[in-house]
PDB file of N, CA and C in Angstrom:
ATOM      1  N   UNK A   1     -54.670  10.146 -42.333  1.00  0.00           N
ATOM      2  CA  UNK A   1     -54.979  10.180 -40.745  1.00  0.00           C
ATOM      3  C   UNK A   1     -52.500  10.621 -41.279  1.00  0.00           C
ATOM      4  N   UNK A   2     -52.070  11.446 -40.446  1.00  0.00           N
ATOM      5  CA  UNK A   2     -51.282  11.974 -40.882  1.00  0.00           C
ATOM      6  C   UNK A   2     -50.010  10.689 -40.254  1.00  0.00           C
ATOM      7  N   UNK A   3     -48.772  11.070 -40.742  1.00  0.00           N
ATOM      8  CA  UNK A   3     -47.559  10.252 -40.920  1.00  0.00           C
ATOM      9  C   UNK A   3     -46.776  10.443 -39.338  1.00  0.00           C
ATOM     10  N   UNK A   4     -46.554   9.175 -38.471  1.00  0.00           N
ATOM     11  CA  UNK A   4     -44.859   9.638 -37.670  1.00  0.00           C
ATOM     12  C   UNK A   4     -43.769   9.278 -38.273  1.00  0.00           C
ATOM     13  N   UNK A   5     -42.580   9.698 -37.804  1.00  0.00           N
ATOM     14  CA  UNK A   5     -41.288   9.281 -37.875  1.00  0.00           C
ATOM     15  C   UNK A   5     -40.873   8.639 -37.154  1.00  0.00           C
ATOM     16  N   UNK A   6     -40.484   6.806 -36.865  1.00  0.00           N
ATOM     17  CA  UNK A   6     -39.024   6.617 -35.516  1.00  0.00           C
ATOM     18  C   UNK A   6     -38.228   7.574 -35.939  1.00  0.00           C
ATOM     19  N   UNK A   7     -38.409   8.016 -34.149  1.00  0.00           N
ATOM     20  CA  UNK A   7     -36.616   8.956 -33.956  1.00  0.00           C
ATOM     21  C   UNK A   7     -35.377   7.888 -33.754  1.00  0.00           C
ATOM     22  N   UNK A   8     -34.509   8.344 -33.004  1.00  0.00           N
ATOM     23  CA  UNK A   8     -33.866   7.448 -32.192  1.00  0.00           C
ATOM     24  C   UNK A   8     -34.330   6.994 -30.686  1.00  0.00           C
ATOM     25  N   UNK A   9     -33.875   5.726 -30.427  1.00  0.00           N
ATOM     26  CA  UNK A   9     -34.312   4.781 -29.468  1.00  0.00           C
ATOM     27  C   UNK A   9     -35.397   4.605 -29.453  1.00  0.00           C
ATOM     28  N   UNK A  10     -36.157   4.444 -30.831  1.00  0.00           N
ATOM     29  CA  UNK A  10     -37.094   4.066 -31.140  1.00  0.00           C
ATOM     30  C   UNK A  10     -38.964   4.925 -30.993  1.00  0.00           C
ATOM     31  N   UNK A  11     -38.731   6.362 -30.764  1.00  0.00           N
ATOM     32  CA  UNK A  11     -39.641   7.696 -30.150  1.00  0.00           C
ATOM     33  C   UNK A  11     -39.882   7.375 -31.618  1.00  0.00           C
ATOM     34  N   UNK A  12     -41.533   7.910 -31.025  1.00  0.00           N
ATOM     35  CA  UNK A  12     -42.332   9.022 -32.191  1.00  0.00           C
ATOM     36  C   UNK A  12     -42.798  10.019 -31.331  1.00  0.00           C
ATOM     37  N   UNK A  13     -43.854  10.671 -32.196  1.00  0.00           N
ATOM     38  CA  UNK A  13     -44.458  11.753 -31.829  1.00  0.00           C
ATOM     39  C   UNK A  13     -45.844  12.013 -32.264  1.00  0.00           C
ATOM     40  N   UNK A  14     -46.790  11.914 -31.270  1.00  0.00           N
ATOM     41  CA  UNK A  14     -48.513  11.394 -31.121  1.00  0.00           C
ATOM     42  C   UNK A  14     -48.624  12.661 -31.983  1.00  0.00           C
ATOM     43  N   UNK A  15     -49.298  12.433 -32.582  1.00  0.00           N
ATOM     44  CA  UNK A  15     -49.920  14.444 -33.088  1.00  0.00           C
ATOM     45  C   UNK A  15     -50.884  14.129 -32.543  1.00  0.00           C
ATOM     46  N   UNK A  16     -50.669  15.969 -32.315  1.00  0.00           N
ATOM     47  CA  UNK A  16     -51.225  16.520 -31.291  1.00  0.00           C
ATOM     48  C   UNK A  16     -53.273  16.741 -31.177  1.00  0.00           C
ATOM     49  N   UNK A  17     -53.944  16.324 -32.704  1.00  0.00           N
ATOM     50  CA  UNK A  17     -54.888  16.456 -33.178  1.00  0.00           C
ATOM     51  C   UNK A  17     -55.299  14.830 -31.873  1.00  0.00           C
ATOM     52  N   UNK A  18     -54.553  13.854 -32.311  1.00  0.00           N
ATOM     53  CA  UNK A  18     -55.212  12.848 -31.353  1.00  0.00           C
ATOM     54  C   UNK A  18     -54.776  12.607 -30.228  1.00  0.00           C
ATOM     55  N   UNK A  19     -53.796  13.441 -29.636  1.00  0.00           N
ATOM     56  CA  UNK A  19     -53.019  13.372 -28.073  1.00  0.00           C
ATOM     57  C   UNK A  19     -54.231  14.227 -27.396  1.00  0.00           C
ATOM     58  N   UNK A  20     -54.961  15.171 -28.011  1.00  0.00           N
ATOM     59  CA  UNK A  20     -56.217  16.128 -27.539  1.00  0.00           C
ATOM     60  C   UNK A  20     -57.170  15.202 -27.760  1.00  0.00           C
ATOM     61  N   UNK A  21     -58.097  14.435 -28.929  1.00  0.00           N
ATOM     62  CA  UNK A  21     -59.068  14.055 -28.798  1.00  0.00           C
ATOM     63  C   UNK A  21     -59.063  12.745 -27.469  1.00  0.00           C
ATOM     64  N   UNK A  22     -57.451  11.772 -27.407  1.00  0.00           N
ATOM     65  CA  UNK A  22     -57.974  10.779 -26.373  1.00  0.00           C
ATOM     66  C   UNK A  22     -57.096  12.168 -24.751  1.00  0.00           C
ATOM     67  N   UNK A  23     -57.167  12.881 -24.535  1.00  0.00           N
ATOM     68  CA  UNK A  23     -56.920  13.607 -23.727  1.00  0.00           C
ATOM     69  C   UNK A  23     -55.428  12.651 -23.122  1.00  0.00           C
ATOM     70  N   UNK A  24     -54.796  13.081 -24.249  1.00  0.00           N
ATOM     71  CA  UNK A  24     -52.971  12.561 -22.919  1.00  0.00           C
ATOM     72  C   UNK A  24     -52.481  13.330 -23.286  1.00  0.00           C
ATOM     73  N   UNK A  25     -51.570  13.211 -21.812  1.00  0.00           N
ATOM     74  CA  UNK A  25     -50.705  14.683 -21.902  1.00  0.00           C
ATOM     75  C   UNK A  25     -49.461  13.749 -21.583  1.00  0.00           C
ATOM     76  N   UNK A  26     -48.611  14.987 -21.289  1.00  0.00           N
ATOM     77  CA  UNK A  26     -47.055  14.746 -20.443  1.00  0.00           C
ATOM     78  C   UNK A  26     -47.204  13.435 -19.854  1.00  0.00           C
ATOM     79  N   UNK A  27     -46.658  12.822 -19.630  1.00  0.00           N
ATOM     80  CA  UNK A  27     -46.017  12.186 -18.927  1.00  0.00           C
ATOM     81  C   UNK A  27     -46.917  10.822 -18.399  1.00  0.00           C
ATOM     82  N   UNK A  28     -48.385  10.570 -19.175  1.00  0.00           N
ATOM     83  CA  UNK A  28     -49.134   9.683 -19.261  1.00  0.00           C
ATOM     84  C   UNK A  28     -49.162   8.062 -19.774  1.00  0.00           C
ATOM     85  N   UNK A  29     -49.015   6.956 -19.218  1.00  0.00           N
ATOM     86  CA  UNK A  29     -48.945   6.024 -19.056  1.00  0.00           C
ATOM     87  C   UNK A  29     -50.076   5.247 -20.480  1.00  0.00           C
ATOM     88  N   UNK A  30     -49.025   4.610 -21.658  1.00  0.00           N
ATOM     89  CA  UNK A  30     -49.877   4.026 -22.821  1.00  0.00           C
ATOM     90  C   UNK A  30     -49.316   2.519 -22.817  1.00  0.00           C
ATOM     91  N   UNK A  31     -50.219   1.371 -22.985  1.00  0.00           N
ATOM     92  CA  UNK A  31     -50.005  -0.018 -23.207  1.00  0.00           C
ATOM     93  C   UNK A  31     -49.717  -0.266 -24.855  1.00  0.00           C
ATOM     94  N   UNK A  32     -48.673  -0.636 -24.857  1.00  0.00           N
ATOM     95  CA  UNK A  32     -48.560  -1.129 -26.471  1.00  0.00           C
ATOM     96  C   UNK A  32     -48.210  -2.940 -26.375  1.00  0.00           C
ATOM     97  N   UNK A  33     -49.761  -2.977 -27.870  1.00  0.00           N
ATOM     98  CA  UNK A  33     -50.078  -3.971 -27.810  1.00  0.00           C
ATOM     99  C   UNK A  33     -49.617  -4.515 -29.430  1.00  0.00           C
ATOM    100  N   UNK A  34     -49.493  -5.462 -29.558  1.00  0.00           N
ATOM    101  CA  UNK A  34     -49.981  -5.940 -31.686  1.00  0.00           C
ATOM    102  C   UNK A  34     -50.564  -6.390 -31.440  1.00  0.00           C
ATOM    103  N   UNK A  35     -51.822  -6.177 -32.588  1.00  0.00           N
ATOM    104  CA  UNK A  35     -52.656  -6.854 -32.815  1.00  0.00           C
ATOM    105  C   UNK A  35     -52.771  -7.171 -34.177  1.00  0.00           C
ATOM    106  N   UNK A  36     -52.465  -8.471 -34.742  1.00  0.00           N
ATOM    107  CA  UNK A  36     -52.950  -8.275 -36.001  1.00  0.00           C
ATOM    108  C   UNK A  36     -52.288  -7.760 -36.887  1.00  0.00           C
ATOM    109  N   UNK A  37     -50.529  -7.466 -36.506  1.00  0.00           N
ATOM    110  CA  UNK A  37     -49.763  -6.712 -37.289  1.00  0.00           C
ATOM    111  C   UNK A  37     -49.836  -5.947 -37.260  1.00  0.00           C
ATOM    112  N   UNK A  38     -50.667  -5.584 -36.391  1.00  0.00           N
ATOM    113  CA  UNK A  38     -50.555  -3.592 -35.572  1.00  0.00           C
ATOM    114  C   UNK A  38     -50.197  -2.898 -34.669  1.00  0.00           C
ATOM    115  N   UNK A  39     -50.079  -1.965 -34.720  1.00  0.00           N
ATOM    116  CA  UNK A  39     -49.330  -1.553 -32.976  1.00  0.00           C
ATOM    117  C   UNK A  39     -50.506  -0.675 -32.381  1.00  0.00           C
ATOM    118  N   UNK A  40     -50.861  -0.842 -31.339  1.00  0.00           N
ATOM    119  CA  UNK A  40     -52.368  -0.332 -30.761  1.00  0.00           C
ATOM    120  C   UNK A  40     -52.060   0.449 -29.609  1.00  0.00           C
ATOM    121  N   UNK A  41     -52.293   1.620 -29.013  1.00  0.00           N
ATOM    122  CA  UNK A  41     -51.838   1.992 -28.220  1.00  0.00           C
ATOM    123  C   UNK A  41     -52.944   2.535 -26.607  1.00  0.00           C
ATOM    124  N   UNK A  42     -52.802   1.608 -25.823  1.00  0.00           N
ATOM    125  CA  UNK A  42     -54.231   2.414 -24.716  1.00  0.00           C
ATOM    126  C   UNK A  42     -53.766   3.180 -23.527  1.00  0.00           C
ATOM    127  N   UNK A  43     -54.699   4.061 -23.119  1.00  0.00           N
ATOM    128  CA  UNK A  43     -53.885   5.239 -22.679  1.00  0.00           C
ATOM    129  C   UNK A  43     -54.663   4.268 -20.879  1.00  0.00           C
ATOM    130  N   UNK A  44     -53.860   4.384 -20.074  1.00  0.00           N
ATOM    131  CA  UNK A  44     -53.851   3.368 -19.045  1.00  0.00           C
ATOM    132  C   UNK A  44     -53.834   4.657 -17.588  1.00  0.00           C
ATOM    133  N   UNK A  45     -54.698   3.953 -16.494  1.00  0.00           N
ATOM    134  CA  UNK A  45     -53.779   5.027 -15.120  1.00  0.00           C
ATOM    135  C   UNK A  45     -53.759   4.204 -14.092  1.00  0.00           C
ATOM    136  N   UNK A  46     -52.379   4.397 -13.941  1.00  0.00           N
ATOM    137  CA  UNK A  46     -51.664   3.081 -12.239  1.00  0.00           C
ATOM    138  C   UNK A  46     -52.464   3.931 -10.907  1.00  0.00           C
ATOM    139  N   UNK A  47     -53.161   3.037 -10.232  1.00  0.00           N
ATOM    140  CA  UNK A  47     -52.920   3.198  -9.325  1.00  0.00           C
ATOM    141  C   UNK A  47     -52.279   2.595  -8.008  1.00  0.00           C
ATOM    142  N   UNK A  48     -51.565   3.747  -7.365  1.00  0.00           N
ATOM    143  CA  UNK A  48     -51.310   3.663  -5.773  1.00  0.00           C
ATOM    144  C   UNK A  48     -51.763   2.053  -5.680  1.00  0.00           C
ATOM    145  N   UNK A  49     -50.549   1.565  -5.044  1.00  0.00           N
ATOM    146  CA  UNK A  49     -50.642   0.384  -4.338  1.00  0.00           C
ATOM    147  C   UNK A  49     -51.967   0.043  -3.010  1.00  0.00           C
ATOM    148  N   UNK A  50     -50.797   1.314  -1.933  1.00  0.00           N
ATOM    149  CA  UNK A  50     -51.426   1.121  -0.841  1.00  0.00           C
ATOM    150  C   UNK A  50     -52.624   1.965  -1.472  1.00  0.00           C
ATOM    151  N   UNK A  51     -53.265   2.549  -2.139  1.00  0.00           N
ATOM    152  CA  UNK A  51     -54.527   3.277  -2.105  1.00  0.00           C
ATOM    153  C   UNK A  51     -55.589   1.965  -2.452  1.00  0.00           C
ATOM    154  N   UNK A  52     -55.089   1.259  -3.102  1.00  0.00           N
ATOM    155  CA  UNK A  52     -55.938   0.024  -3.871  1.00  0.00           C
ATOM    156  C   UNK A  52     -55.994  -0.692  -2.727  1.00  0.00           C
ATOM    157  N   UNK A  53     -55.081  -1.290  -1.928  1.00  0.00           N
ATOM    158  CA  UNK A  53     -54.799  -2.122  -0.836  1.00  0.00           C
ATOM    159  C   UNK A  53     -56.357  -1.518   0.463  1.00  0.00           C
ATOM    160  N   UNK A  54     -56.063   0.093   0.454  1.00  0.00           N
ATOM    161  CA  UNK A  54     -56.906   0.388   1.615  1.00  0.00           C
ATOM    162  C   UNK A  54     -58.393   0.052   1.043  1.00  0.00           C
ATOM    163  N   UNK A  55     -58.670   0.678  -0.241  1.00  0.00           N
ATOM    164  CA  UNK A  55     -60.172   0.299  -0.985  1.00  0.00           C
ATOM    165  C   UNK A  55     -60.365  -0.939  -1.010  1.00  0.00           C
ATOM    166  N   UNK A  56     -59.251  -1.425  -1.179  1.00  0.00           N
ATOM    167  CA  UNK A  56     -59.998  -3.282  -0.870  1.00  0.00           C
ATOM    168  C   UNK A  56     -60.709  -3.854   0.445  1.00  0.00           C
ATOM    169  N   UNK A  57     -59.507  -3.252   1.589  1.00  0.00           N
ATOM    170  CA  UNK A  57     -59.732  -3.297   2.973  1.00  0.00           C
ATOM    171  C   UNK A  57     -61.367  -2.575   3.479  1.00  0.00           C
ATOM    172  N   UNK A  58     -61.480  -1.687   2.753  1.00  0.00           N
ATOM    173  CA  UNK A  58     -62.919  -1.507   3.189  1.00  0.00           C
ATOM    174  C   UNK A  58     -64.448  -1.782   2.226  1.00  0.00           C
ATOM    175  N   UNK A  59     -63.976  -2.172   1.422  1.00  0.00           N
ATOM    176  CA  UNK A  59     -65.095  -3.722   0.318  1.00  0.00           C
ATOM    177  C   UNK A  59     -65.520  -4.974   0.848  1.00  0.00           C
ATOM    178  N   UNK A  60     -64.097  -4.719   1.340  1.00  0.00           N
ATOM    179  CA  UNK A  60     -64.266  -6.441   2.031  1.00  0.00           C
ATOM    180  C   UNK A  60     -65.010  -6.541   3.991  1.00  0.00           C
ATOM    181  N   UNK A  61     -64.706  -5.374   4.160  1.00  0.00           N
ATOM    182  CA  UNK A  61     -65.323  -5.008   5.493  1.00  0.00           C
ATOM    183  C   UNK A  61     -66.519  -4.611   5.945  1.00  0.00           C
ATOM    184  N   UNK A  62     -67.156  -3.969   4.509  1.00  0.00           N
ATOM    185  CA  UNK A  62     -67.938  -4.148   4.730  1.00  0.00           C
ATOM    186  C   UNK A  62     -68.853  -5.494   3.975  1.00  0.00           C
ATOM    187  N   UNK A  63     -68.278  -6.087   2.629  1.00  0.00           N
ATOM    188  CA  UNK A  63     -69.069  -7.313   2.495  1.00  0.00           C
ATOM    189  C   UNK A  63     -69.014  -8.534   3.951  1.00  0.00           C
ATOM    190  N   UNK A  64     -67.920  -8.541   4.798  1.00  0.00           N
ATOM    191  CA  UNK A  64     -67.881  -9.145   6.441  1.00  0.00           C
ATOM    192  C   UNK A  64     -69.238  -8.842   6.821  1.00  0.00           C
ATOM    193  N   UNK A  65     -69.406  -7.534   7.015  1.00  0.00           N
ATOM    194  CA  UNK A  65     -70.368  -7.222   7.430  1.00  0.00           C
ATOM    195  C   UNK A  65     -72.097  -8.255   7.211  1.00  0.00           C
ATOM    196  N   UNK A  66     -72.109  -7.900   6.288  1.00  0.00           N
ATOM    197  CA  UNK A  66     -73.515  -7.994   5.549  1.00  0.00           C
ATOM    198  C   UNK A  66     -73.447  -9.371   5.676  1.00  0.00           C
ATOM    199  N   UNK A  67     -72.689 -10.487   5.249  1.00  0.00           N
ATOM    200  CA  UNK A  67     -72.342 -11.852   5.216  1.00  0.00           C
ATOM    201  C   UNK A  67     -71.947 -12.354   6.299  1.00  0.00           C
ATOM    202  N   UNK A  68     -72.480 -12.252   7.587  1.00  0.00           N
ATOM    203  CA  UNK A  68     -71.422 -13.226   8.683  1.00  0.00           C
ATOM    204  C   UNK A  68     -72.116 -14.576   8.938  1.00  0.00           C
ATOM    205  N   UNK A  69     -73.294 -14.303   8.426  1.00  0.00           N
ATOM    206  CA  UNK A  69     -74.265 -15.705   8.840  1.00  0.00           C
ATOM    207  C   UNK A  69     -73.656 -16.427   7.198  1.00  0.00           C
ATOM    208  N   UNK A  70     -73.427 -16.199   6.268  1.00  0.00           N
ATOM    209  CA  UNK A  70     -73.356 -16.139   5.220  1.00  0.00           C
ATOM    210  C   UNK A  70     -72.344 -18.626   4.889  1.00  0.00           C
ATOM    211  N   UNK A  71     -72.920 -18.726   4.174  1.00  0.00           N
ATOM    212  CA  UNK A  71     -71.921 -19.938   3.911  1.00  0.00           C
ATOM    213  C   UNK A  71     -70.086 -19.714   3.518  1.00  0.00           C
ATOM    214  N   UNK A  72     -69.481 -20.153   3.136  1.00  0.00           N
ATOM    215  CA  UNK A  72     -68.573 -19.770   2.843  1.00  0.00           C
ATOM    216  C   UNK A  72     -67.947 -19.216   1.419  1.00  0.00           C
ATOM    217  N   UNK A  73     -68.905 -20.295   0.809  1.00  0.00           N
ATOM    218  CA  UNK A  73     -69.086 -20.633  -0.847  1.00  0.00           C
ATOM    219  C   UNK A  73     -70.166 -18.730  -1.405  1.00  0.00           C
ATOM    220  N   UNK A  74     -70.924 -18.630  -0.780  1.00  0.00           N
ATOM    221  CA  UNK A  74     -71.108 -16.535  -0.357  1.00  0.00           C
ATOM    222  C   UNK A  74     -70.341 -16.327  -0.268  1.00  0.00           C
ATOM    223  N   UNK A  75     -69.785 -16.046   0.737  1.00  0.00           N
ATOM    224  CA  UNK A  75     -68.968 -15.080   0.843  1.00  0.00           C
ATOM    225  C   UNK A  75     -67.356 -15.356  -0.106  1.00  0.00           C
ATOM    226  N   UNK A  76     -67.296 -16.347  -0.275  1.00  0.00           N
ATOM    227  CA  UNK A  76     -66.240 -16.189  -1.423  1.00  0.00           C
ATOM    228  C   UNK A  76     -66.494 -15.482  -3.071  1.00  0.00           C
ATOM    229  N   UNK A  77     -67.682 -15.703  -3.087  1.00  0.00           N
ATOM    230  CA  UNK A  77     -68.462 -15.252  -4.207  1.00  0.00           C
ATOM    231  C   UNK A  77     -68.129 -13.398  -4.510  1.00  0.00           C
ATOM    232  N   UNK A  78     -69.251 -13.440  -3.079  1.00  0.00           N
ATOM    233  CA  UNK A  78     -69.161 -11.735  -2.599  1.00  0.00           C
ATOM    234  C   UNK A  78     -67.727 -11.153  -2.849  1.00  0.00           C
ATOM    235  N   UNK A  79     -66.787 -11.847  -2.528  1.00  0.00           N
ATOM    236  CA  UNK A  79     -65.181 -11.584  -2.469  1.00  0.00           C
ATOM    237  C   UNK A  79     -65.385 -11.427  -3.614  1.00  0.00           C
ATOM    238  N   UNK A  80     -65.156 -12.184  -4.410  1.00  0.00           N
ATOM    239  CA  UNK A  80     -64.329 -12.161  -5.828  1.00  0.00           C
ATOM    240  C   UNK A  80     -65.227 -10.877  -6.499  1.00  0.00           C
ATOM    241  N   UNK A  81     -66.317 -10.445  -6.167  1.00  0.00           N
ATOM    242  CA  UNK A  81     -67.685  -9.616  -7.238  1.00  0.00           C
ATOM    243  C   UNK A  81     -66.786  -8.283  -5.621  1.00  0.00           C
ATOM    244  N   UNK A  82     -66.400  -8.331  -5.269  1.00  0.00           N
ATOM    245  CA  UNK A  82     -65.834  -6.855  -4.282  1.00  0.00           C
ATOM    246  C   UNK A  82     -64.758  -7.020  -5.237  1.00  0.00           C
ATOM    247  N   UNK A  83     -63.653  -7.522  -5.897  1.00  0.00           N
ATOM    248  CA  UNK A  83     -62.731  -7.676  -6.211  1.00  0.00           C
ATOM    249  C   UNK A  83     -62.546  -7.223  -7.853  1.00  0.00           C
ATOM    250  N   UNK A  84     -63.717  -7.298  -8.583  1.00  0.00           N
ATOM    251  CA  UNK A  84     -63.861  -7.061  -9.633  1.00  0.00           C
ATOM    252  C   UNK A  84     -64.275  -5.856  -9.635  1.00  0.00           C
ATOM    253  N   UNK A  85     -64.596  -5.389  -8.867  1.00  0.00           N
ATOM    254  CA  UNK A  85     -65.449  -3.881  -8.267  1.00  0.00           C
ATOM    255  C   UNK A  85     -64.458  -2.630  -8.723  1.00  0.00           C
ATOM    256  N   UNK A  86     -63.812  -2.672  -7.576  1.00  0.00           N
ATOM    257  CA  UNK A  86     -61.790  -2.371  -7.231  1.00  0.00           C
ATOM    258  C   UNK A  86     -61.674  -2.394  -8.339  1.00  0.00           C
ATOM    259  N   UNK A  87     -61.142  -3.332  -9.259  1.00  0.00           N
ATOM    260  CA  UNK A  87     -60.015  -3.163 -10.315  1.00  0.00           C
ATOM    261  C   UNK A  87     -61.005  -2.414 -11.288  1.00  0.00           C
ATOM    262  N   UNK A  88     -62.428  -2.507 -11.563  1.00  0.00           N
ATOM    263  CA  UNK A  88     -62.827  -1.889 -12.280  1.00  0.00           C
ATOM    264  C   UNK A  88     -63.117  -0.148 -12.086  1.00  0.00           C
ATOM    265  N   UNK A  89     -62.498   0.167 -10.926  1.00  0.00           N
ATOM    266  CA  UNK A  89     -62.435   1.415 -10.687  1.00  0.00           C
ATOM    267  C   UNK A  89     -61.539   2.545 -11.441  1.00  0.00           C
TER     268      UNK A  89
END
């Protein structure tokens, strides 16, 4: 495993081989975490808030049509499942 040097401002350069394998490009967002005294970098995708809201409304509309005769508890369960679906994409 290659070594990296911490530069001014705390910057490091990730080795090209790792960036290629992980398909990390300039401008990508990485989440930084500490796990058992190790630094862990995880690639993240940011979603536009307006797009996410529109997608959630589409899913909720489908749920509403399918469950117009269901109980409030059943609808709540389906809403939570719809939210999980949207967040997983």
